[in-house]
Structures are given as structure tokens and as C-alpha cells.
């Protein structure tokens, strides 16, 4: 799949999905020691391996018991009959060939023969080796007892450390690590042991673990000519295939190290025991580094890149294994999201954080992308739901700025991901509600104990601790008062019946600019419970005039009626 380049904004933060490996590739190479040819005999003989390591056979007993041999046949298994155990008198008779597994021994030009010697022998490696192998050729009925075989660090081996592979019937006690021989039914000399007849036993042993020395004792059991040896070890390279993902437009390391799942002779591969090289020409901007990492520059276009790399044994540059790397460079843009809501009410701050994001050049959805919360908001009431992309705020969340970090990934395996933030601002909120009360006239009263009792500030009950109370418009009569220090509304006895209003302002102390107003209404009633009615009255001069008229017209009228 290919993607358009540089069409979308670069994400704020990048999360790279480190590579996974699903397949392993192996290569095994046998290394068998080459020893001196005929004419060399003594207490110490040194053999060399093709990769530069070496091994020393050392006799701790009498002299001239170890002999180098040479092959005159294609198979290369000719050993000396140690009845002729002088360097000047090599045997030309008394030996035969045998088919010994594995076939890699066939190319070896020389072996060793150790004469029976209860004092013991030591096989010492110049450099420790993993899983050494011994091909053992029992001449007649000589027994071999591994009296002190040691792993690196001096730990003695047990039967579980040895795997025995035989090509014929025979016996070898894996519990005591003793008694390799070529038993033949009947009396008499067994005619050169397993080399006389390919149907008889020769032993091939493979040890587990890492070794610096293998000790043994060769002991005759009846007629015996000694034991023939070949020593070697195998190095197996295990190299894994990797798949990595990164984002276009950003320098990245999609694969931390190809060494991570690779081994050399059972040991984790490193820049010390292995070498790496790209196979073919890799695209510009994609690099296989000596430490095993694979890095990409910001200039690598989006797309899928199939690559190959080669890992070689550092001790043998001819022993290598090739594996695959697939890099998916994706185009993902996760943009910043913001939302603002007031405190005190449950609300949706952001409808969908994916609305401004893109995945592989397309609008991001929950079908083509995966949404994951990386870091939640500091208040649990601010939540990003990864199944919907919605950011909600609970009514209990106080004013403040809350940040959620989320990761947007495509559906690749491994996924390429972009990480960004959603920021929610919860503003302060003051919510005063109107208050009403009714009191009778002529008595001092407290119609409202506290105007704050039904108000809220930032979603919490308003108090004089979290809020500030201020009178904006007082009542028309000075006897109707709102005390801003207590929230109490009082009336005096002198307040006549009527309706009086006070406008007050409630402010959020934590956010002083956040304020709102409400109205208090107090109704003062007459003693009968109804509103007082205004009665028209005459002035004192009106009363005097009315009295004069009554005297002028009323008194004569009354006198006439009496008559």
C-alpha cells in the first residue's frame, strides 16, 4: 500500500510500534578439529578449528600415549592400532573404516588415538564452546569414563547434559557417564572393536551447555588397543524475521534491534559475536545499524518496504543466515483537541476527538483506527471514551484545565501510532436563584434567612466562603435590607405594606470575573393579611370649611323640623 506524502500535518507526539518477529531462520555449521598427522606423539597434542578456535588433548599420565593419525580413505576414519604405538612404526594393517554420523566428520583429515591410561586425559578448549561433540571409536573393548567433565565455571555435568547418538547397538551409561565399549559375544579378541564391523557400536555424544574442558579416563577391559577420538562443536545461527512500523515525516527507530531474538551458538546475538549487513540495496533513509537497530529518516515516503539482512558468525564470516524485514511507513495525523464547558453541569466537552484526525490519508474512524487513552485526566470526572471518541465532564468537576493524552493507531500489525492530547477547560460558574418571601407590616421580620441557600457556585452550594455577595439595587424602602455579610434579608416595623425588590450579585471567589445576579422579592402585608388600602382624607382646612357649612345650613334645617 502506498500513501500520499506530506499531505497531512505532523503529529504532536509519536509512538512507534516496535517490531515483532514471527519466523526464525537457522543455519548450523560443524567445526571439527584437525590434528597433526603421523609421526607426532606425546603427552600434549593441539588441534585447530576452521574458525580460529583450538583444542588441546593432554595426557596426565605416561608419555607418548596420544597419537595423530591421517586418513588414506574418503571417509577419513582411519585410526592407529595402538599395538604399534610408536611414531616411527605407524600401522598399515589392523584398521578399517566405519560410517560415523554426522557426515561433516568425513572431511576431517586426522583424528587422535589415546592409549588406555587410568591416569586420565583432558580436552581443553582455548575458547569456551557451546554444545561440544565427541566422536568416540572404541578399539576392542576399552572403556571410557568421564570422570570430571566440566562446564564453564567448574560445574560438573550430569547425565542430563549428554545426548548420545549411536549408529549400532552398544551401551553407554548416561547416569554415570561411563562405559563406552564394543561388546562382542563370545570369547577372544573383539577384532578392533566397532571399526571391524560397521554394525557394531561407535558413539557420538553431544553435550549441552558451554564448556572449557572435558576430562575422561580410558581403561582397558580385557584385550584393548585404546580409544580413537574426534572433537568438534557446531555453531547454529538463529535469525528472526521482523516487521516494524513508523510514521512518515518523522525520524524513527521502528526496530530496536534485530539481535533481540537472534542467537549465535545458543547465546543471544550481539555486535561482539555476530556481524550484520543489509542484503541488496536498501532505500535511502532506511539504515541497518551496527547495534542491530533499524532507523528511518523523516524523508522516507509512506509505503511498505520488504527488506533482507544477513547475520554472520563473527568468528567465521563464511557462516551466515539471511532473514527478512518488513517496514510499514504509515501516514497518521492525530491533531490537538480542545473543549470548554462551565462547571456545575454534566456536559460534553468534545463530541469526537477523531473528527480532525486522519489515518492513512483517510478520516480517522473507529473502524480504520484504534483509540487508546494513554494518560487520563487528573480529575476522574473528565473522561475520554475510547469506544466513541467523546469527552464528557461531570457536574462535580471544579473549574480548571484538564488534559487527556490519547494514542491513535492504524490497523497494521504492528500498528503505527500517533499520540496527541485533548484539553478541556472547565470555567467557573455562579448560579444564583430568585428568592421570594412575605411578612406582615408593623413588625420587624426576617423574611429570608439567607439568599444563598438555593444558589450554587461551581456546582457546589454557595457559601460566603466560596462566593462573594454584593447588593446591586437596594429596596425602595430603607427598612427592607439585604445584609451582604450574612445573606439575611430583614424588614423593620416601619415598613408599610407593599412589594419590595432587591437585586444582588453572586461571584465565584475562585474565579472572580465569574458573576451572576438574582432578585429578592419581599411582600409586606397589612395586619388582616391583605394589602393595605389607601383611604382618601381631608386636610384641616377642608374640615373647617365643612364645619362652617354645617353650621350655616344644618342648624336652621334642624330647627324647622322640630317645629
Foldseek 3Di string as FASTA:
>chain_A
DFFDAPPDDDAPFFDWAAKDFDDKDKDKDKWWWAWDAFLDFWQKTKTATPLGKIKIKGHPDDIGFKGKHFDPDQQQPWDFQQVVRDSVDTDPDLFADADDPDSVSRPHGIWMWGFADQSKMKIFIPDKAFWKKKWKFFFFFKKKFQPAFAFPVRDGDALVFKDKDKPADFDADSGRRIGGGWDDPDDDTPRGGCRVDNNTIIIMMIGGHIGGMTMMGIHDDPDGRGMIMMMIGMKMKMFTEIEFEEAAQAKDFRHQASQPPIDISPHRDALVFKAKDWDDDDDPQWDQDSGGIIIGHNHDGFDKDKTKMKMAGPSDRVRIDMYIYIYGHWHWYQDEAEFEEAAQAKDWGFQASQQPIATSRHRDDVVFKFKAWDAFWPDPQFDQDRVGRITIGHNQDAFDKIKTKMKIWGPDVVTTIHIDIYIYGHHKAWFFEEAEFEEAAQAKDFRFQASQQPIDISNHRDDVVQKFKAWDAFWPDPQFDQDRVGRITIGHNPDAFDKIKTKMKIAGPVHRVHIDIYMYIYGYDYPVRHRDDDDDDDDPVVVVVVVVVCVVPVPVVVVVVVD
